[in-house]
Amino acid sequence: MTMNTATEQKLNENRRLLLKAGVSSVTLALAMSSGLLLPRQVIAHWPKAAFSALSVEDALLALLGKTESVTGKEIKFKTALPPSYAVNGASVPVEIESDLEDIERVVILVEKNPVPLIMSADFTKEMVMPFKTMIKIAEDSNVIAVVCAGGKLYSTSRFVEVDIGGCG
């Protein structure tokens, strides 16, 4: 049985991309371990102001340049992720679902954490929803998900109670 030319070409493209990524990763790791590259140089686009902000609004402003968002059915947490009650705030699962087109970025914030900005992920066309991750929550607080799509911000939130805080 033979593969058609289009399928074979796609497999070859994927194989080349995988090899390039592997070679790039190994090269980067060798450069970092030998001292040729410092971690600061590798993560040059680190949004320092956003990750040092002390409020949700300041973090969003530093990261995205605006704070106004639309709340509605465009974005939602999966039922029970995050849960409304977590025994251990050091490991709280979060899953964000959305049918929005052209998602550019997903941001997760926890209102009462020492640093509210938990994570920010730039999306590419290859990435699809749902978006899953684990977060830390210091104390009972709102967990806020913000999706940037088409130049607009969409958000949803859920209050989560924790027995043992996960930040410390």
N, C-alpha and C. Protein backbone atom coordinates (compact mmCIF):
# COMPACT_ATOMS: atom_id res chain seq x y z
N MET A 1 0.85 -1.16 0.00
CA MET A 1 0.00 0.00 0.00
C MET A 1 0.90 1.24 0.00
N THR A 2 0.63 2.20 -0.87
CA THR A 2 1.45 3.41 -0.96
C THR A 2 0.67 4.62 -0.50
N MET A 3 1.42 5.60 0.04
CA MET A 3 0.80 6.85 0.46
C MET A 3 0.71 7.77 -0.73
N ASN A 4 -0.32 8.62 -0.73
CA ASN A 4 -0.38 9.59 -1.80
C ASN A 4 0.68 10.66 -1.58
N THR A 5 0.99 11.41 -2.60
CA THR A 5 2.07 12.39 -2.56
C THR A 5 1.83 13.49 -1.53
N ALA A 6 0.59 13.95 -1.39
CA ALA A 6 0.29 15.03 -0.44
C ALA A 6 0.53 14.58 1.00
N THR A 7 0.10 13.37 1.33
CA THR A 7 0.30 12.85 2.68
C THR A 7 1.78 12.66 2.97
N GLU A 8 2.50 12.11 2.00
CA GLU A 8 3.94 11.90 2.16
C GLU A 8 4.66 13.23 2.33
N GLN A 9 4.26 14.23 1.57
CA GLN A 9 4.88 15.55 1.67
C GLN A 9 4.61 16.17 3.04
N LYS A 10 3.39 16.03 3.55
CA LYS A 10 3.05 16.56 4.87
C LYS A 10 3.86 15.86 5.96
N LEU A 11 4.00 14.54 5.87
CA LEU A 11 4.82 13.81 6.84
C LEU A 11 6.27 14.27 6.80
N ASN A 12 6.81 14.48 5.60
CA ASN A 12 8.18 14.97 5.47
C ASN A 12 8.34 16.36 6.07
N GLU A 13 7.33 17.24 5.85
CA GLU A 13 7.36 18.59 6.44
C GLU A 13 7.38 18.50 7.95
N ASN A 14 6.50 17.69 8.52
CA ASN A 14 6.42 17.53 9.97
C ASN A 14 7.72 16.96 10.53
N ARG A 15 8.31 16.01 9.83
CA ARG A 15 9.58 15.41 10.25
C ARG A 15 10.68 16.46 10.26
N ARG A 16 10.74 17.30 9.21
CA ARG A 16 11.74 18.37 9.15
C ARG A 16 11.56 19.38 10.29
N LEU A 17 10.29 19.76 10.56
CA LEU A 17 10.03 20.70 11.65
C LEU A 17 10.47 20.12 13.00
N LEU A 18 10.18 18.85 13.21
CA LEU A 18 10.57 18.20 14.45
C LEU A 18 12.09 18.14 14.59
N LEU A 19 12.78 17.81 13.53
CA LEU A 19 14.24 17.77 13.57
C LEU A 19 14.83 19.15 13.82
N LYS A 20 14.29 20.18 13.15
CA LYS A 20 14.77 21.56 13.36
C LYS A 20 14.57 21.98 14.81
N ALA A 21 13.39 21.68 15.35
CA ALA A 21 13.11 22.05 16.74
C ALA A 21 14.04 21.33 17.69
N GLY A 22 14.29 20.06 17.43
CA GLY A 22 15.20 19.28 18.28
C GLY A 22 16.62 19.80 18.24
N VAL A 23 17.11 20.10 17.04
CA VAL A 23 18.46 20.63 16.90
C VAL A 23 18.56 22.00 17.56
N SER A 24 17.53 22.83 17.37
CA SER A 24 17.53 24.16 17.99
C SER A 24 17.53 24.05 19.51
N SER A 25 16.73 23.16 20.05
CA SER A 25 16.66 22.99 21.51
C SER A 25 17.99 22.51 22.07
N VAL A 26 18.60 21.55 21.42
CA VAL A 26 19.88 21.03 21.88
C VAL A 26 20.95 22.11 21.80
N THR A 27 20.98 22.87 20.72
CA THR A 27 21.94 23.96 20.55
C THR A 27 21.76 25.01 21.64
N LEU A 28 20.52 25.38 21.89
CA LEU A 28 20.22 26.37 22.93
C LEU A 28 20.63 25.86 24.30
N ALA A 29 20.34 24.60 24.59
CA ALA A 29 20.72 24.02 25.88
C ALA A 29 22.23 23.99 26.05
N LEU A 30 22.95 23.62 25.00
CA LEU A 30 24.42 23.60 25.06
C LEU A 30 24.98 25.00 25.28
N ALA A 31 24.42 25.99 24.57
CA ALA A 31 24.90 27.37 24.71
C ALA A 31 24.64 27.88 26.13
N MET A 32 23.50 27.54 26.69
CA MET A 32 23.19 27.99 28.05
C MET A 32 24.07 27.28 29.08
N SER A 33 24.26 25.97 28.92
CA SER A 33 25.05 25.23 29.90
C SER A 33 26.53 25.60 29.84
N SER A 34 27.00 26.05 28.68
CA SER A 34 28.41 26.44 28.56
C SER A 34 28.65 27.88 29.01
N GLY A 35 27.57 28.62 29.29
CA GLY A 35 27.72 30.00 29.73
C GLY A 35 27.72 31.01 28.61
N LEU A 36 27.57 30.55 27.37
CA LEU A 36 27.54 31.49 26.25
C LEU A 36 26.27 32.33 26.25
N LEU A 37 25.18 31.77 26.73
CA LEU A 37 23.91 32.49 26.84
C LEU A 37 23.45 32.48 28.28
N LEU A 38 23.07 33.63 28.76
CA LEU A 38 22.52 33.72 30.10
C LEU A 38 21.01 33.61 30.02
N PRO A 39 20.35 33.06 31.06
CA PRO A 39 18.89 32.94 31.03
C PRO A 39 18.20 34.27 30.73
N ARG A 40 18.76 35.38 31.20
CA ARG A 40 18.17 36.69 30.95
C ARG A 40 18.11 36.98 29.44
N GLN A 41 19.10 36.53 28.70
CA GLN A 41 19.12 36.75 27.26
C GLN A 41 18.11 35.85 26.55
N VAL A 42 17.90 34.65 27.07
CA VAL A 42 16.98 33.70 26.46
C VAL A 42 15.54 34.18 26.59
N ILE A 43 15.20 34.72 27.76
CA ILE A 43 13.83 35.20 27.96
C ILE A 43 13.81 36.72 27.94
N ALA A 44 14.31 37.29 26.86
CA ALA A 44 14.43 38.74 26.74
C ALA A 44 13.08 39.44 26.74
N HIS A 45 12.04 38.74 26.32
CA HIS A 45 10.72 39.37 26.25
C HIS A 45 9.92 39.12 27.54
N TRP A 46 10.59 38.93 28.64
CA TRP A 46 9.93 38.70 29.92
C TRP A 46 9.21 39.98 30.34
N PRO A 47 7.89 39.95 30.53
CA PRO A 47 7.13 41.15 30.92
C PRO A 47 7.29 41.45 32.42
N LYS A 48 8.43 41.99 32.79
CA LYS A 48 8.78 42.20 34.20
C LYS A 48 7.73 43.03 34.94
N ALA A 49 7.27 44.12 34.32
CA ALA A 49 6.30 44.99 34.98
C ALA A 49 4.99 44.25 35.26
N ALA A 50 4.58 43.40 34.34
CA ALA A 50 3.33 42.65 34.52
C ALA A 50 3.46 41.63 35.64
N PHE A 51 4.61 40.95 35.74
CA PHE A 51 4.79 39.94 36.77
C PHE A 51 5.17 40.52 38.13
N SER A 52 5.46 41.83 38.17
CA SER A 52 5.73 42.44 39.47
C SER A 52 4.56 43.33 39.91
N ALA A 53 3.51 43.41 39.12
CA ALA A 53 2.32 44.20 39.48
C ALA A 53 1.64 43.59 40.69
N LEU A 54 1.05 44.44 41.52
CA LEU A 54 0.42 43.97 42.75
C LEU A 54 -1.10 43.88 42.66
N SER A 55 -1.68 44.28 41.52
CA SER A 55 -3.13 44.16 41.35
C SER A 55 -3.43 43.59 39.97
N VAL A 56 -4.62 43.03 39.84
CA VAL A 56 -5.05 42.45 38.56
C VAL A 56 -5.03 43.51 37.47
N GLU A 57 -5.57 44.70 37.78
CA GLU A 57 -5.66 45.77 36.78
C GLU A 57 -4.27 46.21 36.32
N ASP A 58 -3.33 46.39 37.27
CA ASP A 58 -1.98 46.80 36.91
C ASP A 58 -1.28 45.73 36.07
N ALA A 59 -1.50 44.46 36.39
CA ALA A 59 -0.89 43.38 35.62
C ALA A 59 -1.42 43.37 34.19
N LEU A 60 -2.74 43.50 34.03
CA LEU A 60 -3.33 43.52 32.68
C LEU A 60 -2.85 44.74 31.89
N LEU A 61 -2.78 45.88 32.55
CA LEU A 61 -2.34 47.10 31.88
C LEU A 61 -0.90 46.97 31.41
N ALA A 62 -0.03 46.44 32.27
CA ALA A 62 1.37 46.26 31.90
C ALA A 62 1.55 45.21 30.81
N LEU A 63 0.72 44.18 30.83
CA LEU A 63 0.88 43.08 29.88
C LEU A 63 0.19 43.36 28.55
N LEU A 64 -1.04 43.88 28.60
CA LEU A 64 -1.86 44.02 27.39
C LEU A 64 -2.15 45.47 27.00
N GLY A 65 -1.81 46.41 27.86
CA GLY A 65 -2.03 47.81 27.55
C GLY A 65 -3.45 48.29 27.78
N LYS A 66 -4.32 47.42 28.29
CA LYS A 66 -5.70 47.80 28.60
C LYS A 66 -6.27 46.83 29.62
N THR A 67 -7.36 47.27 30.27
CA THR A 67 -7.96 46.43 31.31
C THR A 67 -9.42 46.11 31.05
N GLU A 68 -10.07 46.88 30.18
CA GLU A 68 -11.50 46.64 29.94
C GLU A 68 -11.70 45.36 29.14
N SER A 69 -12.58 44.51 29.66
CA SER A 69 -12.85 43.25 28.96
C SER A 69 -14.35 43.01 28.91
N VAL A 70 -14.72 42.16 27.97
CA VAL A 70 -16.11 41.77 27.80
C VAL A 70 -16.31 40.47 28.57
N THR A 71 -17.36 40.40 29.38
CA THR A 71 -17.67 39.14 30.04
C THR A 71 -18.93 38.58 29.39
N GLY A 72 -18.92 37.32 29.11
CA GLY A 72 -20.06 36.71 28.45
C GLY A 72 -19.80 35.24 28.20
N LYS A 73 -20.47 34.70 27.22
CA LYS A 73 -20.37 33.27 26.93
C LYS A 73 -19.22 32.93 25.99
N GLU A 74 -18.45 33.95 25.56
CA GLU A 74 -17.36 33.69 24.62
C GLU A 74 -16.22 32.88 25.24
N ILE A 75 -16.08 32.99 26.55
CA ILE A 75 -15.02 32.28 27.26
C ILE A 75 -15.60 31.74 28.56
N LYS A 76 -15.19 30.52 28.94
CA LYS A 76 -15.68 29.96 30.19
C LYS A 76 -14.68 28.95 30.73
N PHE A 77 -14.79 28.74 32.03
CA PHE A 77 -14.03 27.66 32.65
C PHE A 77 -14.80 26.38 32.44
N LYS A 78 -14.09 25.28 32.29
CA LYS A 78 -14.77 23.99 32.24
C LYS A 78 -15.36 23.74 33.63
N THR A 79 -16.50 23.11 33.66
CA THR A 79 -17.15 22.80 34.94
C THR A 79 -16.17 22.13 35.89
N ALA A 80 -16.04 22.68 37.08
CA ALA A 80 -15.18 22.18 38.15
C ALA A 80 -13.69 22.35 37.89
N LEU A 81 -13.29 23.06 36.87
CA LEU A 81 -11.87 23.33 36.63
C LEU A 81 -11.69 24.82 36.35
N PRO A 82 -11.33 25.67 37.28
CA PRO A 82 -10.91 25.32 38.63
C PRO A 82 -12.10 24.94 39.49
N PRO A 83 -11.85 24.13 40.51
CA PRO A 83 -12.94 23.76 41.41
C PRO A 83 -13.30 24.96 42.28
N SER A 84 -14.49 24.96 42.84
CA SER A 84 -14.86 26.06 43.74
C SER A 84 -14.21 25.87 45.11
N TYR A 85 -13.68 24.67 45.38
CA TYR A 85 -13.00 24.38 46.63
C TYR A 85 -11.78 23.51 46.33
N ALA A 86 -10.61 23.94 46.82
CA ALA A 86 -9.39 23.17 46.63
C ALA A 86 -8.75 22.92 47.98
N VAL A 87 -8.41 21.67 48.27
CA VAL A 87 -7.76 21.33 49.53
C VAL A 87 -6.36 21.94 49.57
N ASN A 88 -5.63 21.82 48.47
CA ASN A 88 -4.25 22.30 48.41
C ASN A 88 -4.13 23.35 47.31
N GLY A 89 -3.86 24.59 47.70
CA GLY A 89 -3.72 25.67 46.72
C GLY A 89 -2.46 25.59 45.89
N ALA A 90 -1.56 24.65 46.19
CA ALA A 90 -0.32 24.52 45.43
C ALA A 90 -0.52 23.82 44.10
N SER A 91 -1.68 23.21 43.91
CA SER A 91 -1.91 22.46 42.68
C SER A 91 -3.40 22.48 42.34
N VAL A 92 -3.82 23.53 41.64
CA VAL A 92 -5.22 23.69 41.29
C VAL A 92 -5.36 23.62 39.76
N PRO A 93 -6.11 22.64 39.26
CA PRO A 93 -6.27 22.52 37.81
C PRO A 93 -7.21 23.60 37.26
N VAL A 94 -6.87 24.10 36.09
CA VAL A 94 -7.68 25.10 35.40
C VAL A 94 -7.82 24.67 33.94
N GLU A 95 -9.03 24.79 33.42
CA GLU A 95 -9.26 24.51 32.00
C GLU A 95 -10.16 25.60 31.44
N ILE A 96 -9.69 26.26 30.38
CA ILE A 96 -10.43 27.36 29.75
C ILE A 96 -10.93 26.88 28.40
N GLU A 97 -12.20 27.15 28.13
CA GLU A 97 -12.80 26.79 26.84
C GLU A 97 -13.28 28.05 26.15
N SER A 98 -13.17 28.08 24.82
CA SER A 98 -13.66 29.20 24.04
C SER A 98 -13.80 28.80 22.58
N ASP A 99 -14.80 29.36 21.93
CA ASP A 99 -14.99 29.15 20.50
C ASP A 99 -14.55 30.37 19.70
N LEU A 100 -13.89 31.33 20.35
CA LEU A 100 -13.45 32.54 19.68
C LEU A 100 -12.45 32.21 18.57
N GLU A 101 -12.51 32.97 17.51
CA GLU A 101 -11.55 32.82 16.41
C GLU A 101 -10.34 33.72 16.67
N ASP A 102 -9.22 33.41 16.09
CA ASP A 102 -8.02 34.24 16.15
C ASP A 102 -7.59 34.60 17.57
N ILE A 103 -7.53 33.61 18.44
CA ILE A 103 -7.07 33.86 19.81
C ILE A 103 -5.58 34.19 19.75
N GLU A 104 -5.24 35.32 20.37
CA GLU A 104 -3.85 35.79 20.36
C GLU A 104 -3.12 35.45 21.66
N ARG A 105 -3.85 35.48 22.77
CA ARG A 105 -3.20 35.28 24.07
C ARG A 105 -4.21 34.80 25.10
N VAL A 106 -3.73 33.99 26.04
CA VAL A 106 -4.52 33.56 27.19
C VAL A 106 -3.75 33.98 28.44
N VAL A 107 -4.46 34.62 29.37
CA VAL A 107 -3.85 35.11 30.60
C VAL A 107 -4.65 34.57 31.79
N ILE A 108 -3.96 34.12 32.82
CA ILE A 108 -4.62 33.67 34.04
C ILE A 108 -4.10 34.50 35.20
N LEU A 109 -5.04 35.03 36.00
CA LEU A 109 -4.69 35.84 37.16
C LEU A 109 -5.42 35.31 38.38
N VAL A 110 -4.82 35.51 39.55
CA VAL A 110 -5.47 35.18 40.82
C VAL A 110 -5.44 36.45 41.65
N GLU A 111 -6.62 36.96 41.94
CA GLU A 111 -6.79 38.27 42.55
C GLU A 111 -5.97 38.49 43.82
N LYS A 112 -5.97 37.55 44.76
CA LYS A 112 -5.33 37.77 46.06
C LYS A 112 -3.96 37.11 46.19
N ASN A 113 -3.37 36.64 45.10
CA ASN A 113 -2.02 36.10 45.17
C ASN A 113 -1.03 37.24 45.36
N PRO A 114 0.14 36.96 45.96
CA PRO A 114 1.15 38.01 46.11
C PRO A 114 1.49 38.67 44.77
N VAL A 115 1.55 37.88 43.72
CA VAL A 115 1.71 38.36 42.35
C VAL A 115 0.50 37.83 41.58
N PRO A 116 -0.45 38.71 41.23
CA PRO A 116 -1.70 38.24 40.61
C PRO A 116 -1.54 37.55 39.25
N LEU A 117 -0.57 37.98 38.45
CA LEU A 117 -0.39 37.37 37.13
C LEU A 117 0.24 36.00 37.29
N ILE A 118 -0.53 34.96 36.97
CA ILE A 118 -0.04 33.58 37.08
C ILE A 118 0.70 33.17 35.82
N MET A 119 0.10 33.45 34.68
CA MET A 119 0.72 33.07 33.41
C MET A 119 0.11 33.83 32.25
N SER A 120 0.88 33.92 31.19
CA SER A 120 0.43 34.51 29.94
C SER A 120 1.00 33.65 28.81
N ALA A 121 0.15 33.20 27.92
CA ALA A 121 0.60 32.35 26.82
C ALA A 121 0.15 32.95 25.49
N ASP A 122 1.12 33.21 24.62
CA ASP A 122 0.80 33.67 23.27
C ASP A 122 0.37 32.47 22.45
N PHE A 123 -0.73 32.61 21.73
CA PHE A 123 -1.25 31.52 20.91
C PHE A 123 -0.74 31.65 19.48
N THR A 124 -0.58 30.51 18.84
CA THR A 124 -0.32 30.47 17.41
C THR A 124 -1.50 29.77 16.76
N LYS A 125 -1.54 29.75 15.46
CA LYS A 125 -2.67 29.12 14.75
C LYS A 125 -2.75 27.62 15.02
N GLU A 126 -1.62 27.01 15.39
CA GLU A 126 -1.59 25.57 15.65
C GLU A 126 -2.19 25.21 17.01
N MET A 127 -2.29 26.18 17.92
CA MET A 127 -2.81 25.91 19.25
C MET A 127 -4.34 25.96 19.23
N VAL A 128 -4.94 25.06 19.97
CA VAL A 128 -6.41 24.99 20.00
C VAL A 128 -6.89 24.94 21.45
N MET A 129 -8.14 25.31 21.63
CA MET A 129 -8.77 25.22 22.93
C MET A 129 -9.30 23.81 23.11
N PRO A 130 -9.49 23.30 24.28
CA PRO A 130 -9.37 23.96 25.57
C PRO A 130 -7.91 24.11 25.99
N PHE A 131 -7.66 25.11 26.85
CA PHE A 131 -6.34 25.38 27.39
C PHE A 131 -6.32 24.87 28.83
N LYS A 132 -5.37 23.98 29.15
CA LYS A 132 -5.31 23.36 30.47
C LYS A 132 -3.97 23.68 31.13
N THR A 133 -4.03 23.93 32.44
CA THR A 133 -2.80 24.16 33.20
C THR A 133 -3.07 23.93 34.68
N MET A 134 -2.03 23.96 35.48
CA MET A 134 -2.13 23.88 36.93
C MET A 134 -1.61 25.21 37.47
N ILE A 135 -2.29 25.75 38.49
CA ILE A 135 -1.89 27.01 39.07
C ILE A 135 -1.77 26.90 40.59
N LYS A 136 -1.19 27.95 41.20
CA LYS A 136 -1.11 28.04 42.66
C LYS A 136 -2.01 29.18 43.11
N ILE A 137 -2.70 28.95 44.23
CA ILE A 137 -3.58 29.97 44.81
C ILE A 137 -3.20 30.13 46.28
N ALA A 138 -2.89 31.37 46.68
CA ALA A 138 -2.42 31.65 48.04
C ALA A 138 -3.53 31.56 49.07
N GLU A 139 -4.71 32.09 48.76
CA GLU A 139 -5.83 32.14 49.69
C GLU A 139 -7.13 32.19 48.89
N ASP A 140 -8.27 32.09 49.58
CA ASP A 140 -9.56 32.17 48.90
C ASP A 140 -9.56 33.39 47.99
N SER A 141 -9.87 33.19 46.71
CA SER A 141 -9.73 34.29 45.75
C SER A 141 -10.45 34.00 44.45
N ASN A 142 -10.64 35.06 43.67
CA ASN A 142 -11.14 34.91 42.31
C ASN A 142 -10.01 34.48 41.39
N VAL A 143 -10.27 33.47 40.58
CA VAL A 143 -9.36 33.09 39.50
C VAL A 143 -9.96 33.69 38.24
N ILE A 144 -9.15 34.45 37.51
CA ILE A 144 -9.65 35.19 36.35
C ILE A 144 -8.91 34.71 35.10
N ALA A 145 -9.68 34.38 34.07
CA ALA A 145 -9.10 34.02 32.78
C ALA A 145 -9.44 35.13 31.80
N VAL A 146 -8.44 35.58 31.05
CA VAL A 146 -8.62 36.62 30.04
C VAL A 146 -8.10 36.06 28.72
N VAL A 147 -8.92 36.17 27.69
CA VAL A 147 -8.51 35.75 26.35
C VAL A 147 -8.50 36.98 25.47
N CYS A 148 -7.39 37.19 24.78
CA CYS A 148 -7.28 38.30 23.83
C CYS A 148 -7.50 37.71 22.43
N ALA A 149 -8.55 38.19 21.77
CA ALA A 149 -8.88 37.70 20.43
C ALA A 149 -9.44 38.85 19.61
N GLY A 150 -8.92 39.02 18.42
CA GLY A 150 -9.41 40.08 17.54
C GLY A 150 -9.24 41.47 18.14
N GLY A 151 -8.23 41.67 18.97
CA GLY A 151 -7.98 42.97 19.57
C GLY A 151 -8.85 43.29 20.77
N LYS A 152 -9.75 42.37 21.16
CA LYS A 152 -10.61 42.57 22.32
C LYS A 152 -10.21 41.61 23.43
N LEU A 153 -10.55 42.00 24.66
CA LEU A 153 -10.31 41.13 25.80
C LEU A 153 -11.63 40.55 26.27
N TYR A 154 -11.65 39.25 26.49
CA TYR A 154 -12.82 38.54 27.00
C TYR A 154 -12.39 37.89 28.31
N SER A 155 -13.25 37.96 29.33
CA SER A 155 -12.84 37.38 30.60
C SER A 155 -13.97 36.62 31.28
N THR A 156 -13.56 35.77 32.19
CA THR A 156 -14.47 35.05 33.06
C THR A 156 -13.74 34.84 34.38
N SER A 157 -14.48 34.60 35.45
CA SER A 157 -13.83 34.37 36.73
C SER A 157 -14.62 33.36 37.55
N ARG A 158 -13.94 32.78 38.52
CA ARG A 158 -14.57 31.84 39.45
C ARG A 158 -13.89 32.01 40.80
N PHE A 159 -14.70 32.07 41.85
CA PHE A 159 -14.16 32.17 43.21
C PHE A 159 -13.76 30.77 43.67
N VAL A 160 -12.54 30.66 44.18
CA VAL A 160 -12.03 29.37 44.64
C VAL A 160 -11.61 29.50 46.10
N GLU A 161 -12.11 28.60 46.95
CA GLU A 161 -11.72 28.54 48.34
C GLU A 161 -10.61 27.50 48.47
N VAL A 162 -9.59 27.81 49.28
CA VAL A 162 -8.50 26.86 49.49
C VAL A 162 -8.29 26.63 50.99
N ASP A 163 -7.96 25.38 51.37
CA ASP A 163 -7.63 25.05 52.75
C ASP A 163 -6.18 25.42 53.06
N ILE A 164 -5.28 24.98 52.21
CA ILE A 164 -3.85 25.22 52.40
C ILE A 164 -3.38 26.08 51.24
N GLY A 165 -2.87 27.27 51.53
CA GLY A 165 -2.40 28.18 50.48
C GLY A 165 -1.21 27.60 49.73
N GLY A 166 -1.14 27.89 48.45
CA GLY A 166 -0.10 27.32 47.61
C GLY A 166 1.07 28.23 47.33
N CYS A 167 1.03 29.48 47.78
CA CYS A 167 2.12 30.42 47.54
C CYS A 167 2.79 30.70 48.88
N GLY A 168 4.09 30.68 48.88
CA GLY A 168 4.68 30.99 50.18
C GLY A 168 6.12 30.96 50.25
